[in-house]
Protein backbone atom coordinates (compact mmCIF):
# COMPACT_ATOMS: atom_id res chain seq x y z
CA UNK A 1 49.08 7.16 23.62
CA UNK A 2 47.20 6.65 26.85
CA UNK A 3 43.48 6.12 26.74
CA UNK A 4 41.46 8.24 29.17
CA UNK A 5 40.86 6.56 32.53
CA UNK A 6 37.62 4.57 32.61
CA UNK A 7 34.56 6.44 33.88
CA UNK A 8 31.64 5.04 35.73
CA UNK A 9 28.47 4.74 33.60
CA UNK A 10 26.67 8.09 33.53
CA UNK A 11 29.61 9.97 34.98
CA UNK A 12 30.35 13.33 33.36
CA UNK A 13 33.48 13.44 31.21
CA UNK A 14 36.19 15.92 32.06
CA UNK A 15 35.63 19.35 30.46
CA UNK A 16 36.97 19.44 26.92
CA UNK A 17 39.25 22.25 25.85
CA UNK A 18 41.13 22.80 22.61
CA UNK A 19 44.59 21.23 22.86
CA UNK A 20 47.38 20.32 20.46
CA UNK A 21 46.03 16.76 20.48
CA UNK A 22 42.53 15.75 19.46
CA UNK A 23 39.87 17.59 17.50
CA UNK A 24 39.38 21.37 17.50
CA UNK A 25 36.78 22.31 14.91
CA UNK A 26 34.40 25.15 14.14
CA UNK A 27 32.43 23.93 11.15
CA UNK A 28 30.72 26.59 9.05
CA UNK A 29 29.11 25.33 5.84
CA UNK A 30 26.65 27.29 3.68
CA UNK A 31 24.46 25.19 1.38
CA UNK A 32 21.79 27.35 -0.23
CA UNK A 33 19.49 28.65 2.50
CA UNK A 34 20.91 26.24 5.09
CA UNK A 35 23.87 27.22 7.27
CA UNK A 36 25.77 24.85 9.51
CA UNK A 37 27.58 26.54 12.39
CA UNK A 38 28.83 23.92 14.86
CA UNK A 39 31.83 23.88 17.20
CA UNK A 40 33.32 20.50 18.13
CA UNK A 41 36.21 19.74 20.42
CA UNK A 42 37.33 16.32 21.64
CA UNK A 43 40.41 14.81 23.22
CA UNK A 44 41.97 11.51 22.12
CA UNK A 45 39.89 8.65 23.47
CA UNK A 46 36.63 10.62 23.40
CA UNK A 47 33.54 9.34 21.61
CA UNK A 48 31.24 12.24 20.67
CA UNK A 49 27.76 11.69 19.26
CA UNK A 50 26.09 14.26 17.02
CA UNK A 51 22.40 13.80 17.71
CA UNK A 52 19.54 15.59 16.03
CA UNK A 53 16.42 15.31 13.84
CA UNK A 54 16.54 14.79 10.09
CA UNK A 55 17.82 17.88 8.32
CA UNK A 56 19.57 19.24 11.43
CA UNK A 57 22.99 19.23 9.76
CA UNK A 58 24.55 16.13 11.33
CA UNK A 59 25.62 14.52 8.09
CA UNK A 60 26.82 17.84 6.70
CA UNK A 61 29.06 18.17 9.78
CA UNK A 62 30.39 14.66 9.22
CA UNK A 63 31.09 15.36 5.57
CA UNK A 64 32.90 18.57 6.53
CA UNK A 65 35.10 16.64 8.93
CA UNK A 66 35.85 14.08 6.24
CA UNK A 67 36.66 16.78 3.68
CA UNK A 68 33.68 15.89 1.47
CA UNK A 69 31.95 19.23 2.11
CA UNK A 70 34.18 22.33 1.96
CA UNK A 71 34.08 24.76 4.84
CA UNK A 72 32.69 28.21 4.19
CA UNK A 73 34.37 29.44 7.35
CA UNK A 74 35.61 28.37 10.74
CA UNK A 75 38.50 25.95 11.31
CA UNK A 76 39.37 22.28 11.40
CA UNK A 77 42.44 21.17 13.37
CA UNK A 78 43.35 17.61 14.24
CA UNK A 79 46.25 16.93 16.57
CA UNK A 80 47.42 20.48 15.98
CA UNK A 81 47.38 20.22 12.17
CA UNK A 82 45.12 22.41 10.03
CA UNK A 83 43.06 20.11 7.77
CA UNK A 84 40.76 22.71 6.25
CA UNK A 85 42.54 22.58 2.89
CA UNK A 86 43.73 18.96 3.06
CA UNK A 87 42.05 16.73 0.46
CA UNK A 88 39.91 13.87 1.85
CA UNK A 89 42.29 11.13 0.72
CA UNK A 90 45.18 12.74 2.60
CA UNK A 91 43.43 13.18 5.92
CA UNK A 92 44.13 10.77 8.82
CA UNK A 93 40.41 10.06 8.93
CA UNK A 94 38.50 6.78 8.78
CA UNK A 95 34.82 6.73 7.79
CA UNK A 96 32.12 4.10 8.33
CA UNK A 97 29.25 5.02 6.05
CA UNK A 98 25.61 4.26 6.82
CA UNK A 99 25.38 1.67 4.01
CA UNK A 100 28.97 0.53 4.61
CA UNK A 101 29.89 0.93 0.88
CA UNK A 102 31.95 -2.26 0.75
CA UNK A 103 33.37 -3.09 -2.68
CA UNK A 104 31.16 -5.94 -3.94
CA UNK A 105 33.88 -7.50 -6.10
CA UNK A 106 36.44 -7.71 -3.28
CA UNK A 107 36.64 -10.19 -0.40
CA UNK A 108 36.30 -9.01 3.17
CA UNK A 109 40.11 -9.25 3.47
CA UNK A 110 40.76 -7.10 0.41
CA UNK A 111 38.08 -4.60 1.42
CA UNK A 112 39.92 -4.01 4.68
CA UNK A 113 43.32 -4.00 2.94
CA UNK A 114 42.13 -1.33 0.51
CA UNK A 115 42.68 1.51 3.00
CA UNK A 116 46.31 0.72 3.80
CA UNK A 117 47.01 0.10 0.12
CA UNK A 118 45.71 3.60 -0.71
CA UNK A 119 48.14 4.98 1.89
CA UNK A 120 51.10 3.37 0.11
CA UNK A 121 51.41 0.18 2.16
CA UNK A 122 52.63 -2.86 0.21
CA UNK A 123 50.17 -5.56 -0.75
CA UNK A 124 51.49 -8.24 1.60
CA UNK A 125 51.68 -5.86 4.58
CA UNK A 126 48.22 -4.46 3.85
CA UNK A 127 46.70 -7.93 3.72
CA UNK A 128 48.49 -8.88 6.93
CA UNK A 129 47.03 -5.79 8.66
CA UNK A 130 43.62 -6.60 7.27
CA UNK A 131 43.80 -10.16 8.53
CA UNK A 132 44.68 -8.87 11.98
CA UNK A 133 41.72 -6.49 12.03
CA UNK A 134 39.29 -9.16 10.82
CA UNK A 135 40.56 -11.43 13.59
CA UNK A 136 39.95 -8.66 16.17
CA UNK A 137 36.42 -8.28 14.80
CA UNK A 138 35.78 -12.03 15.06
CA UNK A 139 35.61 -12.37 11.28
CA UNK A 140 38.79 -14.34 10.50
CA UNK A 141 36.77 -17.22 9.02
CA UNK A 142 34.97 -14.79 6.69
CA UNK A 143 38.10 -13.24 5.20
CA UNK A 144 37.46 -14.81 1.80
CA UNK A 145 33.78 -13.92 1.65
CA UNK A 146 32.43 -11.19 -0.59
CA UNK A 147 29.94 -8.66 0.85
CA UNK A 148 26.86 -10.38 -0.56
CA UNK A 149 27.73 -13.42 1.60
CA UNK A 150 27.95 -11.41 4.79
CA UNK A 151 25.15 -10.64 7.26
CA UNK A 152 24.37 -7.03 8.08
CA UNK A 153 26.29 -7.26 11.33
CA UNK A 154 29.29 -8.85 9.63
CA UNK A 155 29.32 -6.22 6.89
CA UNK A 156 29.24 -3.47 9.52
CA UNK A 157 32.26 -4.96 11.26
CA UNK A 158 34.15 -5.27 7.97
CA UNK A 159 33.44 -1.59 7.26
CA UNK A 160 34.68 -0.68 10.76
CA UNK A 161 37.81 -2.77 10.28
CA UNK A 162 38.46 -1.05 6.94
CA UNK A 163 38.18 2.36 8.60
CA UNK A 164 40.47 1.40 11.47
CA UNK A 165 43.11 -0.36 9.33
CA UNK A 166 44.63 2.98 8.33
CA UNK A 167 45.26 3.94 11.98
CA UNK A 168 43.11 7.10 11.73
CA UNK A 169 43.36 9.94 14.20
CA UNK A 170 39.68 10.69 13.63
CA UNK A 171 37.01 8.00 13.18
CA UNK A 172 33.67 9.07 11.70
CA UNK A 173 30.58 6.85 11.89
CA UNK A 174 27.46 7.84 9.96
CA UNK A 175 24.37 6.09 11.41
CA UNK A 176 26.45 2.90 11.76
CA UNK A 177 23.56 0.78 13.06
CA UNK A 178 20.69 2.17 10.99
CA UNK A 179 20.79 -0.58 8.35
CA UNK A 180 20.47 -3.40 10.87
CA UNK A 181 17.37 -5.21 12.12
CA UNK A 182 16.45 -4.87 15.79
CA UNK A 183 18.00 -8.15 16.95
CA UNK A 184 21.27 -7.65 15.06
CA UNK A 185 21.39 -4.05 16.18
CA UNK A 186 21.42 -5.04 19.87
CA UNK A 187 24.39 -7.38 19.37
CA UNK A 188 26.38 -5.07 17.06
CA UNK A 189 25.80 -2.06 19.37
CA UNK A 190 27.46 -3.96 22.21
CA UNK A 191 30.38 -4.96 19.95
CA UNK A 192 30.81 -1.44 18.61
CA UNK A 193 30.89 -0.05 22.15
CA UNK A 194 33.79 -2.37 22.99
CA UNK A 195 35.73 -1.41 19.84
CA UNK A 196 35.19 2.32 20.47
CA UNK A 197 36.35 1.91 24.07
CA UNK A 198 39.68 0.57 22.70
CA UNK A 199 40.08 3.34 20.12
CA UNK A 200 42.75 5.78 21.24
CA UNK A 201 42.00 8.71 18.94
CA UNK A 202 38.80 10.76 18.45
CA UNK A 203 35.55 9.17 17.32
CA UNK A 204 32.53 11.15 16.11
CA UNK A 205 29.24 9.31 15.72
CA UNK A 206 26.22 10.69 13.83
CA UNK A 207 22.82 9.29 14.78
CA UNK A 208 19.18 10.18 15.25
CA UNK A 209 18.71 7.24 17.63
CA UNK A 210 19.01 8.37 21.27
CA UNK A 211 19.78 4.83 22.48
CA UNK A 212 22.78 4.52 20.14
CA UNK A 213 24.00 7.94 21.31
CA UNK A 214 23.52 7.20 25.01
CA UNK A 215 25.20 3.78 24.86
CA UNK A 216 28.11 4.55 22.55
CA UNK A 217 29.15 8.12 23.37
CA UNK A 218 30.90 9.87 26.26
CA UNK A 219 29.44 13.21 25.23
CA UNK A 220 26.38 14.24 23.21
CA UNK A 221 26.22 17.28 20.96
CA UNK A 222 22.60 17.97 19.99
CA UNK A 223 22.16 19.83 16.70
CA UNK A 224 18.94 21.47 15.49
CA UNK A 225 18.68 23.73 12.48
CA UNK A 226 22.45 23.70 11.94
CA UNK A 227 23.25 24.92 15.48
CA UNK A 228 24.28 23.25 18.72
CA UNK A 229 21.37 23.54 21.14
CA UNK A 230 22.80 21.43 23.98
CA UNK A 231 25.85 19.35 24.78
CA UNK A 232 27.12 17.35 27.70
CA UNK A 233 27.23 13.90 29.26
CA UNK A 234 24.33 11.62 28.26
CA UNK A 235 22.96 11.47 31.82
CA UNK A 236 23.01 15.27 32.14
CA UNK A 237 21.17 15.81 28.87
CA UNK A 238 18.59 13.15 29.70
CA UNK A 239 17.88 14.84 33.05
CA UNK A 240 18.03 18.45 31.87
CA UNK A 241 16.67 18.66 28.29
CA UNK A 242 16.61 22.20 26.88
CA UNK A 243 14.50 21.77 23.75
CA UNK A 244 11.24 20.00 22.91
CA UNK A 245 13.11 17.66 20.55
CA UNK A 246 15.43 16.47 23.32
CA UNK A 247 12.56 16.14 25.77
CA UNK A 248 10.69 13.90 23.36
CA UNK A 249 13.79 11.79 22.81
CA UNK A 250 14.21 11.12 26.50
CA UNK A 251 10.48 10.83 27.16
CA UNK A 252 9.66 13.95 29.17
CA UNK A 253 7.04 16.67 29.16
CA UNK A 254 9.04 19.90 29.04
CA UNK A 255 7.97 23.52 29.58
CA UNK A 256 9.68 26.85 29.93
CA UNK A 257 8.64 29.67 32.20
CA UNK A 258 9.71 31.91 35.07
CA UNK A 259 10.29 30.54 38.52
CA UNK A 260 9.39 32.26 41.77
CA UNK A 261 10.21 30.02 44.69
CA UNK A 262 8.50 26.63 44.31
CA UNK A 263 6.26 27.82 41.47
CA UNK A 264 7.09 28.06 37.76
CA UNK A 265 4.71 30.27 35.78
CA UNK A 266 4.82 28.76 32.30
CA UNK A 267 5.07 30.77 29.11
CA UNK A 268 2.04 28.73 27.96
CA UNK A 269 -0.08 30.15 30.83
CA UNK A 270 -0.62 27.88 33.85
CA UNK A 271 1.76 27.36 36.76
CA UNK A 272 3.56 24.23 37.93
CA UNK A 273 4.42 23.57 41.56
CA UNK A 274 7.85 22.03 42.13
CA UNK A 275 10.08 20.98 45.02
CA UNK A 276 13.00 23.07 43.75
CA UNK A 277 13.33 26.66 44.94
CA UNK A 278 14.34 28.83 41.96
CA UNK A 279 14.12 32.40 40.75
CA UNK A 280 14.12 33.56 37.14
CA UNK A 281 13.86 31.76 33.76
CA UNK A 282 13.49 28.03 34.27
CA UNK A 283 12.56 24.74 32.65
CA UNK A 284 10.24 22.27 34.35
CA UNK A 285 9.91 18.66 33.26
CA UNK A 286 8.13 15.48 34.30
CA UNK A 287 7.69 12.04 32.72
CA UNK A 288 4.38 10.94 31.17
CA UNK A 289 4.23 8.19 33.78
CA UNK A 290 3.93 10.84 36.51
CA UNK A 291 0.57 12.01 35.16
CA UNK A 292 -2.63 10.68 36.72
CA UNK A 293 -5.91 11.16 34.81
CA UNK A 294 -9.42 11.54 36.18
CA UNK A 295 -12.73 11.87 34.35
CA UNK A 296 -14.09 14.12 37.16
CA UNK A 297 -12.25 16.73 39.17
CA UNK A 298 -10.53 14.81 42.02
CA UNK A 299 -11.33 15.81 45.58
CA UNK A 300 -8.96 13.61 47.55
CA UNK A 301 -5.80 13.90 45.45
CA UNK A 302 -2.63 15.17 47.09
CA UNK A 303 -1.28 16.39 43.76
CA UNK A 304 -0.58 20.14 43.78
CA UNK A 305 -0.72 20.39 39.98
CA UNK A 306 -4.13 19.92 38.41
CA UNK A 307 -5.22 20.93 34.90
CA UNK A 308 -8.35 20.52 32.86
CA UNK A 309 -7.57 18.84 29.54
CA UNK A 310 -9.07 16.84 26.70
CA UNK A 311 -7.82 13.70 24.99
CA UNK A 312 -6.28 14.53 21.64
CA UNK A 313 -5.12 11.02 20.73
CA UNK A 314 -4.09 7.58 22.00
CA UNK A 315 -1.39 5.24 20.73
CA UNK A 316 0.49 2.18 21.88
CA UNK A 317 3.76 2.97 23.59
CA UNK A 318 5.56 -0.20 24.63
CA UNK A 319 3.30 -2.04 27.07
CA UNK A 320 1.33 1.13 27.85
CA UNK A 321 -0.92 3.61 26.10
CA UNK A 322 0.43 7.10 25.43
CA UNK A 323 -2.40 9.63 25.85
CA UNK A 324 -1.84 13.00 24.21
CA UNK A 325 -3.73 15.84 25.89
CA UNK A 326 -4.70 19.39 24.97
CA UNK A 327 -6.27 22.05 27.14
CA UNK A 328 -4.87 24.17 29.96
CA UNK A 329 -1.53 22.39 29.56
CA UNK A 330 -0.73 20.21 26.51
CA UNK A 331 1.05 17.10 27.78
CA UNK A 332 1.51 13.36 27.39
CA UNK A 333 0.45 10.73 29.91
CA UNK A 334 1.28 7.02 30.01
CA UNK A 335 -1.46 4.70 31.26
CA UNK A 336 -2.02 0.98 31.32
CA UNK A 337 -4.55 -0.49 28.88
CA UNK A 338 -6.79 -1.32 31.85
CA UNK A 339 -6.71 2.29 33.10
CA UNK A 340 -7.61 3.60 29.64
CA UNK A 341 -10.53 1.23 29.46
CA UNK A 342 -11.77 1.99 32.97
CA UNK A 343 -11.64 5.74 32.29
CA UNK A 344 -13.39 5.26 28.95
CA UNK A 345 -10.86 7.48 27.18
CA UNK A 346 -11.35 8.43 23.56
CA UNK A 347 -10.37 11.46 21.43
CA UNK A 348 -12.27 14.46 22.69
CA UNK A 349 -12.97 13.02 26.14
CA UNK A 350 -12.62 15.68 28.92
CA UNK A 351 -10.21 14.73 31.72
CA UNK A 352 -8.38 16.21 34.67
CA UNK A 353 -4.57 15.69 34.69
CA UNK A 354 -2.71 15.69 38.02
CA UNK A 355 1.02 15.64 38.77
CA UNK A 356 2.58 15.71 42.22
CA UNK A 357 5.20 18.39 42.83
CA UNK A 358 7.66 15.69 43.93
CA UNK A 359 7.50 14.17 40.43
CA UNK A 360 8.47 17.38 38.63
CA UNK A 361 12.00 18.63 38.10
CA UNK A 362 12.80 22.33 37.66
CA UNK A 363 16.16 23.79 36.61
CA UNK A 364 17.49 27.14 35.36
CA UNK A 365 16.86 27.94 31.70
């Protein structure tokens, strides 16, 4: 089967429609007071990331795809076949669990061979397949090692090889990098990206880490409270967030209001001047780095947006200080340590916050 043509980084994927090949799912799962209601479609070769806060329903969706959580309603079709009533062990699905769940008493080779063996493949053939996958993962010399002898990154690759050894038509990855330290995570993320690029069926990745989602996936599906709140190419979602959760993930101040020309009257009260000319419900966003703070009302500033605020808190944010503000417009500002010191900022300090219209971005709600 042909892999989709390569896309330039950040380019939008082609629109996804339900076809005989690939994933066509509407996952409805009721669990007590929580209801998951998520539609997912993907063509062979697509990598889709389910992104959302804890408790959003991401893992429930993954379990439903794997057959570990029964559907209350909806549908689940893979390559034209209805899987809703197919038991987990009979589905053409490979799963990489968050903690990998390697069998501690088996070698890396036999862990990978376990999948094909469960599908009826003979022992010799299963071990040959497993050896091939370990070689592709750069783990041939660790074939005889048991999991306790493997590093976190090596264990993750063994788990991925085990999932792929059954030639699945759907690959599910549950927080595949969460158990790794920061240095290992960087290396393994790059390796996983390469392996997913070579995978010719559908891959669905669950994560709460926006960097994992942006790097690994062609398309993001953001889930909050069991519902899809936004989906699209990573670059589109980063530029046009539609919920406060997404805005925080991508590092933007986000507000909703009603636009009239170059002004957006916010639901929260004040107005924001923008360069875009819009009419009707709109979002307006700007990065914390676009905010300039003054202790006294500025007289020579060219900024068209000026609000009286107070410092609610300060915390380190990379090599800068993130200043949380309340007042006419609650917002976040990023300043250097020197600027914070020169302004004498502390919780409760009154300030004026300014943002140039050219540094805002407005778009239809």
